[in-house]
Amino acid sequence: MSLRALIIEDEKLVAWSLREHLTKLNFNTTTTEYAKEGIDFIKGQTPDLLFLDYRLPDLTGLDVLKRIQDEIPNMVVFFMSAYGTEEVSIEALKLGAYEYINKPVNLEEVTVMVNRAFAHREKLHKMTLLEKQEEKLYQLGNYISQSKTMSEVMQTIKKIVSAETGTILLLGETGTGKDTLA
């Protein structure tokens, strides 16, 4: 399965060279020179990768980032500009861009940045999966017990947790599961 990339860039040569390069990197690549077309594309089928220019004929790249906030966690955004200032780059990063690229674009650097971004995204995905597994493992309902006393303990614990009380003291014999319960 190839990954999808979108390039929103009004300079035809820049868009063409990026598209050709990303195609070599096995991306199914779409280009548009208008921000509104790019936003419509993103809303329809969120790409894995977005190269977004700052100055576009209809909107700025910052306007695009503001309009696609909900989709940004699912894609890697590279914000590009030949005219950007430090303030613009900081704002782009605050709005969810993964990296800021000064033009002219160096394609070797693009390869390194794309590989680094997707390796980082993969690590985040694995961490999220591990966190979900850990949550399931340590839920209160995962204790196996048939004793009436333990059922009462679990009911009391659920009440305490929902009441959001401060400090709780657990007492019991060694090996009874106080650490696990805590």
C-alpha atoms as a PDB file:
ATOM      1  CA  MET A   1       0.000   0.000   0.000  1.00  0.00           C
ATOM      2  CA  SER A   2       1.486   3.326  -0.972  1.00  0.00           C
ATOM      3  CA  LEU A   3       1.099   6.402   1.140  1.00  0.00           C
ATOM      4  CA  ARG A   4      -0.766   9.480  -0.116  1.00  0.00           C
ATOM      5  CA  ALA A   5       0.843  12.902  -0.368  1.00  0.00           C
ATOM      6  CA  LEU A   6      -0.657  16.279  -1.209  1.00  0.00           C
ATOM      7  CA  ILE A   7       1.318  19.285  -2.376  1.00  0.00           C
ATOM      8  CA  ILE A   8      -0.378  22.682  -2.143  1.00  0.00           C
ATOM      9  CA  GLU A   9       2.044  24.891  -4.062  1.00  0.00           C
ATOM     10  CA  ASP A  10       1.448  27.579  -6.699  1.00  0.00           C
ATOM     11  CA  GLU A  11       4.975  27.546  -8.156  1.00  0.00           C
ATOM     12  CA  LYS A  12       4.676  24.918 -10.884  1.00  0.00           C
ATOM     13  CA  LEU A  13       8.358  23.943 -10.939  1.00  0.00           C
ATOM     14  CA  VAL A  14       8.491  23.433  -7.169  1.00  0.00           C
ATOM     15  CA  ALA A  15       5.255  21.406  -7.227  1.00  0.00           C
ATOM     16  CA  TRP A  16       6.477  19.285 -10.153  1.00  0.00           C
ATOM     17  CA  SER A  17       9.896  18.538  -8.622  1.00  0.00           C
ATOM     18  CA  LEU A  18       8.353  17.623  -5.256  1.00  0.00           C
ATOM     19  CA  ARG A  19       5.736  15.405  -6.935  1.00  0.00           C
ATOM     20  CA  GLU A  20       8.384  13.590  -8.971  1.00  0.00           C
ATOM     21  CA  HIS A  21      10.579  13.119  -5.899  1.00  0.00           C
ATOM     22  CA  LEU A  22       7.730  11.878  -3.690  1.00  0.00           C
ATOM     23  CA  THR A  23       6.626   9.479  -6.430  1.00  0.00           C
ATOM     24  CA  LYS A  24      10.144   7.989  -6.360  1.00  0.00           C
ATOM     25  CA  LEU A  25       9.668   7.595  -2.592  1.00  0.00           C
ATOM     26  CA  ASN A  26       6.505   5.529  -3.337  1.00  0.00           C
ATOM     27  CA  PHE A  27       3.944   8.220  -2.506  1.00  0.00           C
ATOM     28  CA  ASN A  28       0.736   8.498  -4.512  1.00  0.00           C
ATOM     29  CA  THR A  29       1.001  12.266  -4.987  1.00  0.00           C
ATOM     30  CA  THR A  30      -1.592  14.922  -5.825  1.00  0.00           C
ATOM     31  CA  THR A  31      -0.836  18.592  -6.432  1.00  0.00           C
ATOM     32  CA  THR A  32      -2.927  21.732  -6.385  1.00  0.00           C
ATOM     33  CA  GLU A  33      -2.005  25.381  -6.524  1.00  0.00           C
ATOM     34  CA  TYR A  34      -5.086  26.604  -4.654  1.00  0.00           C
ATOM     35  CA  ALA A  35      -5.595  26.316  -0.907  1.00  0.00           C
ATOM     36  CA  LYS A  36      -9.347  25.739  -1.131  1.00  0.00           C
ATOM     37  CA  GLU A  37      -8.879  22.769  -3.491  1.00  0.00           C
ATOM     38  CA  GLY A  38      -6.306  21.345  -1.091  1.00  0.00           C
ATOM     39  CA  ILE A  39      -8.642  21.760   1.883  1.00  0.00           C
ATOM     40  CA  ASP A  40     -11.433  19.972  -0.021  1.00  0.00           C
ATOM     41  CA  PHE A  41      -9.026  17.138  -0.878  1.00  0.00           C
ATOM     42  CA  ILE A  42      -7.940  16.816   2.762  1.00  0.00           C
ATOM     43  CA  LYS A  43     -11.539  16.777   4.020  1.00  0.00           C
ATOM     44  CA  GLY A  44     -12.381  14.021   1.513  1.00  0.00           C
ATOM     45  CA  GLN A  45      -9.359  11.785   1.949  1.00  0.00           C
ATOM     46  CA  THR A  46      -6.753  12.813   4.492  1.00  0.00           C
ATOM     47  CA  PRO A  47      -3.285  12.357   2.991  1.00  0.00           C
ATOM     48  CA  ASP A  48      -0.412  10.910   4.989  1.00  0.00           C
ATOM     49  CA  LEU A  49       1.862  13.761   3.976  1.00  0.00           C
ATOM     50  CA  LEU A  50       1.216  17.424   3.127  1.00  0.00           C
ATOM     51  CA  PHE A  51       3.629  19.931   1.644  1.00  0.00           C
ATOM     52  CA  LEU A  52       2.050  23.343   2.157  1.00  0.00           C
ATOM     53  CA  ASP A  53       3.294  26.650   0.772  1.00  0.00           C
ATOM     54  CA  TYR A  54       2.868  29.852   2.769  1.00  0.00           C
ATOM     55  CA  ARG A  55       1.886  32.198  -0.075  1.00  0.00           C
ATOM     56  CA  LEU A  56      -0.947  30.846  -2.196  1.00  0.00           C
ATOM     57  CA  PRO A  57      -3.262  32.663  -4.643  1.00  0.00           C
ATOM     58  CA  ASP A  58      -6.410  32.352  -2.511  1.00  0.00           C
ATOM     59  CA  LEU A  59      -5.302  31.877   1.143  1.00  0.00           C
ATOM     60  CA  THR A  60      -2.110  31.659   3.168  1.00  0.00           C
ATOM     61  CA  GLY A  61      -0.706  28.356   4.351  1.00  0.00           C
ATOM     62  CA  LEU A  62      -1.467  29.466   7.921  1.00  0.00           C
ATOM     63  CA  ASP A  63      -5.144  29.835   6.957  1.00  0.00           C
ATOM     64  CA  VAL A  64      -5.055  26.278   5.594  1.00  0.00           C
ATOM     65  CA  LEU A  65      -3.543  24.943   8.822  1.00  0.00           C
ATOM     66  CA  LYS A  66      -6.283  26.638  10.843  1.00  0.00           C
ATOM     67  CA  ARG A  67      -8.989  25.061   8.669  1.00  0.00           C
ATOM     68  CA  ILE A  68      -7.593  21.521   8.811  1.00  0.00           C
ATOM     69  CA  GLN A  69      -6.843  21.354  12.545  1.00  0.00           C
ATOM     70  CA  ASP A  70      -8.899  18.169  13.046  1.00  0.00           C
ATOM     71  CA  GLU A  71      -7.041  16.278  10.306  1.00  0.00           C
ATOM     72  CA  ILE A  72      -3.484  17.262  11.318  1.00  0.00           C
ATOM     73  CA  PRO A  73      -2.900  14.431  13.842  1.00  0.00           C
ATOM     74  CA  ASN A  74      -3.325  11.945  10.976  1.00  0.00           C
ATOM     75  CA  MET A  75      -0.824  13.523   8.599  1.00  0.00           C
ATOM     76  CA  VAL A  76       2.684  14.907   8.523  1.00  0.00           C
ATOM     77  CA  VAL A  77       2.698  18.559   7.442  1.00  0.00           C
ATOM     78  CA  PHE A  78       5.745  20.288   5.970  1.00  0.00           C
ATOM     79  CA  PHE A  79       5.255  24.046   5.790  1.00  0.00           C
ATOM     80  CA  MET A  80       7.301  25.770   3.054  1.00  0.00           C
ATOM     81  CA  SER A  81       8.138  29.373   2.263  1.00  0.00           C
ATOM     82  CA  ALA A  82      10.661  31.543   0.514  1.00  0.00           C
ATOM     83  CA  TYR A  83       9.292  34.625   2.258  1.00  0.00           C
ATOM     84  CA  GLY A  84       8.593  33.377   5.740  1.00  0.00           C
ATOM     85  CA  THR A  85       9.764  35.065   8.857  1.00  0.00           C
ATOM     86  CA  GLU A  86      10.581  33.501  12.190  1.00  0.00           C
ATOM     87  CA  GLU A  87       7.089  34.458  13.385  1.00  0.00           C
ATOM     88  CA  VAL A  88       5.491  32.652  10.440  1.00  0.00           C
ATOM     89  CA  SER A  89       7.509  29.497  11.060  1.00  0.00           C
ATOM     90  CA  ILE A  90       6.672  29.509  14.773  1.00  0.00           C
ATOM     91  CA  GLU A  91       2.973  30.029  14.032  1.00  0.00           C
ATOM     92  CA  ALA A  92       3.015  27.158  11.503  1.00  0.00           C
ATOM     93  CA  LEU A  93       4.588  24.833  14.062  1.00  0.00           C
ATOM     94  CA  LYS A  94       2.069  25.917  16.703  1.00  0.00           C
ATOM     95  CA  LEU A  95      -0.744  25.109  14.272  1.00  0.00           C
ATOM     96  CA  GLY A  96       0.510  21.552  13.793  1.00  0.00           C
ATOM     97  CA  ALA A  97       3.183  21.602  11.090  1.00  0.00           C
ATOM     98  CA  TYR A  98       5.831  18.949  11.678  1.00  0.00           C
ATOM     99  CA  GLU A  99       8.658  20.884  10.044  1.00  0.00           C
ATOM    100  CA  TYR A 100       9.321  24.237   8.393  1.00  0.00           C
ATOM    101  CA  ILE A 101      11.216  24.200   5.078  1.00  0.00           C
ATOM    102  CA  ASN A 102      12.875  27.223   3.512  1.00  0.00           C
ATOM    103  CA  LYS A 103      12.750  27.453  -0.270  1.00  0.00           C
ATOM    104  CA  PRO A 104      14.409  26.556  -2.508  1.00  0.00           C
ATOM    105  CA  VAL A 105      13.643  23.008  -1.436  1.00  0.00           C
ATOM    106  CA  ASN A 106      16.561  20.567  -1.224  1.00  0.00           C
ATOM    107  CA  LEU A 107      15.184  17.160  -2.280  1.00  0.00           C
ATOM    108  CA  GLU A 108      17.842  15.202  -0.376  1.00  0.00           C
ATOM    109  CA  GLU A 109      16.800  17.023   2.795  1.00  0.00           C
ATOM    110  CA  VAL A 110      13.157  16.277   1.966  1.00  0.00           C
ATOM    111  CA  THR A 111      13.965  12.551   1.868  1.00  0.00           C
ATOM    112  CA  VAL A 112      15.667  12.703   5.266  1.00  0.00           C
ATOM    113  CA  MET A 113      12.840  14.757   6.807  1.00  0.00           C
ATOM    114  CA  VAL A 114      10.118  12.485   5.412  1.00  0.00           C
ATOM    115  CA  ASN A 115      11.865   9.354   6.681  1.00  0.00           C
ATOM    116  CA  ARG A 116      12.414  10.938  10.096  1.00  0.00           C
ATOM    117  CA  ALA A 117       8.799  12.134  10.304  1.00  0.00           C
ATOM    118  CA  PHE A 118       7.338   8.730   9.478  1.00  0.00           C
ATOM    119  CA  ALA A 119       9.693   6.958  11.882  1.00  0.00           C
ATOM    120  CA  HIS A 120       8.549   9.394  14.575  1.00  0.00           C
ATOM    121  CA  ARG A 121       4.899   8.844  13.635  1.00  0.00           C
ATOM    122  CA  GLU A 122       5.380   5.071  13.849  1.00  0.00           C
ATOM    123  CA  LYS A 123       6.902   5.384  17.325  1.00  0.00           C
ATOM    124  CA  LEU A 124       3.969   7.516  18.469  1.00  0.00           C
ATOM    125  CA  HIS A 125       1.535   4.958  17.050  1.00  0.00           C
ATOM    126  CA  LYS A 126       3.268   2.115  18.903  1.00  0.00           C
ATOM    127  CA  MET A 127       3.308   4.113  22.137  1.00  0.00           C
ATOM    128  CA  THR A 128      -0.420   4.764  21.823  1.00  0.00           C
ATOM    129  CA  LEU A 129      -1.082   1.055  21.305  1.00  0.00           C
ATOM    130  CA  LEU A 130       1.042   0.160  24.329  1.00  0.00           C
ATOM    131  CA  GLU A 131      -0.748   2.738  26.478  1.00  0.00           C
ATOM    132  CA  LYS A 132      -4.131   1.306  25.464  1.00  0.00           C
ATOM    133  CA  GLN A 133      -2.952  -2.237  26.251  1.00  0.00           C
ATOM    134  CA  GLU A 134      -1.648  -1.088  29.624  1.00  0.00           C
ATOM    135  CA  GLU A 135      -4.934   0.665  30.433  1.00  0.00           C
ATOM    136  CA  LYS A 136      -6.859  -2.540  29.707  1.00  0.00           C
ATOM    137  CA  LEU A 137      -4.438  -4.603  31.746  1.00  0.00           C
ATOM    138  CA  TYR A 138      -4.765  -2.458  34.860  1.00  0.00           C
ATOM    139  CA  GLN A 139      -8.495  -1.736  34.824  1.00  0.00           C
ATOM    140  CA  LEU A 140     -10.374  -2.612  37.986  1.00  0.00           C
ATOM    141  CA  GLY A 141     -12.524  -5.124  36.123  1.00  0.00           C
ATOM    142  CA  ASN A 142      -9.497  -7.258  35.253  1.00  0.00           C
ATOM    143  CA  TYR A 143      -9.179  -8.809  38.727  1.00  0.00           C
ATOM    144  CA  ILE A 144     -10.214 -12.452  38.808  1.00  0.00           C
ATOM    145  CA  SER A 145     -11.855 -13.463  42.017  1.00  0.00           C
ATOM    146  CA  GLN A 146     -14.914 -15.407  43.134  1.00  0.00           C
ATOM    147  CA  SER A 147     -14.808 -14.506  46.807  1.00  0.00           C
ATOM    148  CA  LYS A 148     -17.528 -12.314  48.247  1.00  0.00           C
ATOM    149  CA  THR A 149     -14.950 -10.339  50.250  1.00  0.00           C
ATOM    150  CA  MET A 150     -12.930  -9.460  47.148  1.00  0.00           C
ATOM    151  CA  SER A 151     -16.105  -8.401  45.313  1.00  0.00           C
ATOM    152  CA  GLU A 152     -16.883  -6.063  48.200  1.00  0.00           C
ATOM    153  CA  VAL A 153     -13.330  -4.670  48.073  1.00  0.00           C
ATOM    154  CA  MET A 154     -13.701  -3.985  44.339  1.00  0.00           C
ATOM    155  CA  GLN A 155     -17.049  -2.228  44.873  1.00  0.00           C
ATOM    156  CA  THR A 156     -15.500  -0.055  47.595  1.00  0.00           C
ATOM    157  CA  ILE A 157     -12.527   0.783  45.345  1.00  0.00           C
ATOM    158  CA  LYS A 158     -14.875   1.825  42.506  1.00  0.00           C
ATOM    159  CA  LYS A 159     -16.751   4.145  44.869  1.00  0.00           C
ATOM    160  CA  ILE A 160     -13.512   5.680  46.139  1.00  0.00           C
ATOM    161  CA  VAL A 161     -12.184   6.228  42.618  1.00  0.00           C
ATOM    162  CA  SER A 162     -15.389   7.921  41.466  1.00  0.00           C
ATOM    163  CA  ALA A 163     -15.423  10.153  44.584  1.00  0.00           C
ATOM    164  CA  GLU A 164     -11.914  11.462  43.749  1.00  0.00           C
ATOM    165  CA  THR A 165     -10.761  11.366  47.342  1.00  0.00           C
ATOM    166  CA  GLY A 166      -7.243  12.366  48.335  1.00  0.00           C
ATOM    167  CA  THR A 167      -5.033   9.821  50.082  1.00  0.00           C
ATOM    168  CA  ILE A 168      -5.961   6.171  50.583  1.00  0.00           C
ATOM    169  CA  LEU A 169      -4.191   3.684  52.874  1.00  0.00           C
ATOM    170  CA  LEU A 170      -4.170   0.040  51.752  1.00  0.00           C
ATOM    171  CA  LEU A 171      -3.437  -2.511  54.464  1.00  0.00           C
ATOM    172  CA  GLY A 172      -3.010  -6.253  54.145  1.00  0.00           C
ATOM    173  CA  GLU A 173      -0.716  -9.241  54.285  1.00  0.00           C
ATOM    174  CA  THR A 174       2.360  -9.499  52.088  1.00  0.00           C
ATOM    175  CA  GLY A 175       1.469 -10.869  48.632  1.00  0.00           C
ATOM    176  CA  THR A 176      -2.218  -9.926  48.687  1.00  0.00           C
ATOM    177  CA  GLY A 177      -1.913  -7.463  45.745  1.00  0.00           C
ATOM    178  CA  LYS A 178      -1.813  -4.069  47.455  1.00  0.00           C
ATOM    179  CA  ASP A 179       0.734  -2.669  44.950  1.00  0.00           C
ATOM    180  CA  THR A 180      -1.258  -3.916  41.977  1.00  0.00           C
ATOM    181  CA  LEU A 181      -4.479  -2.546  43.429  1.00  0.00           C
ATOM    182  CA  ALA A 182      -2.861   0.823  44.097  1.00  0.00           C
END
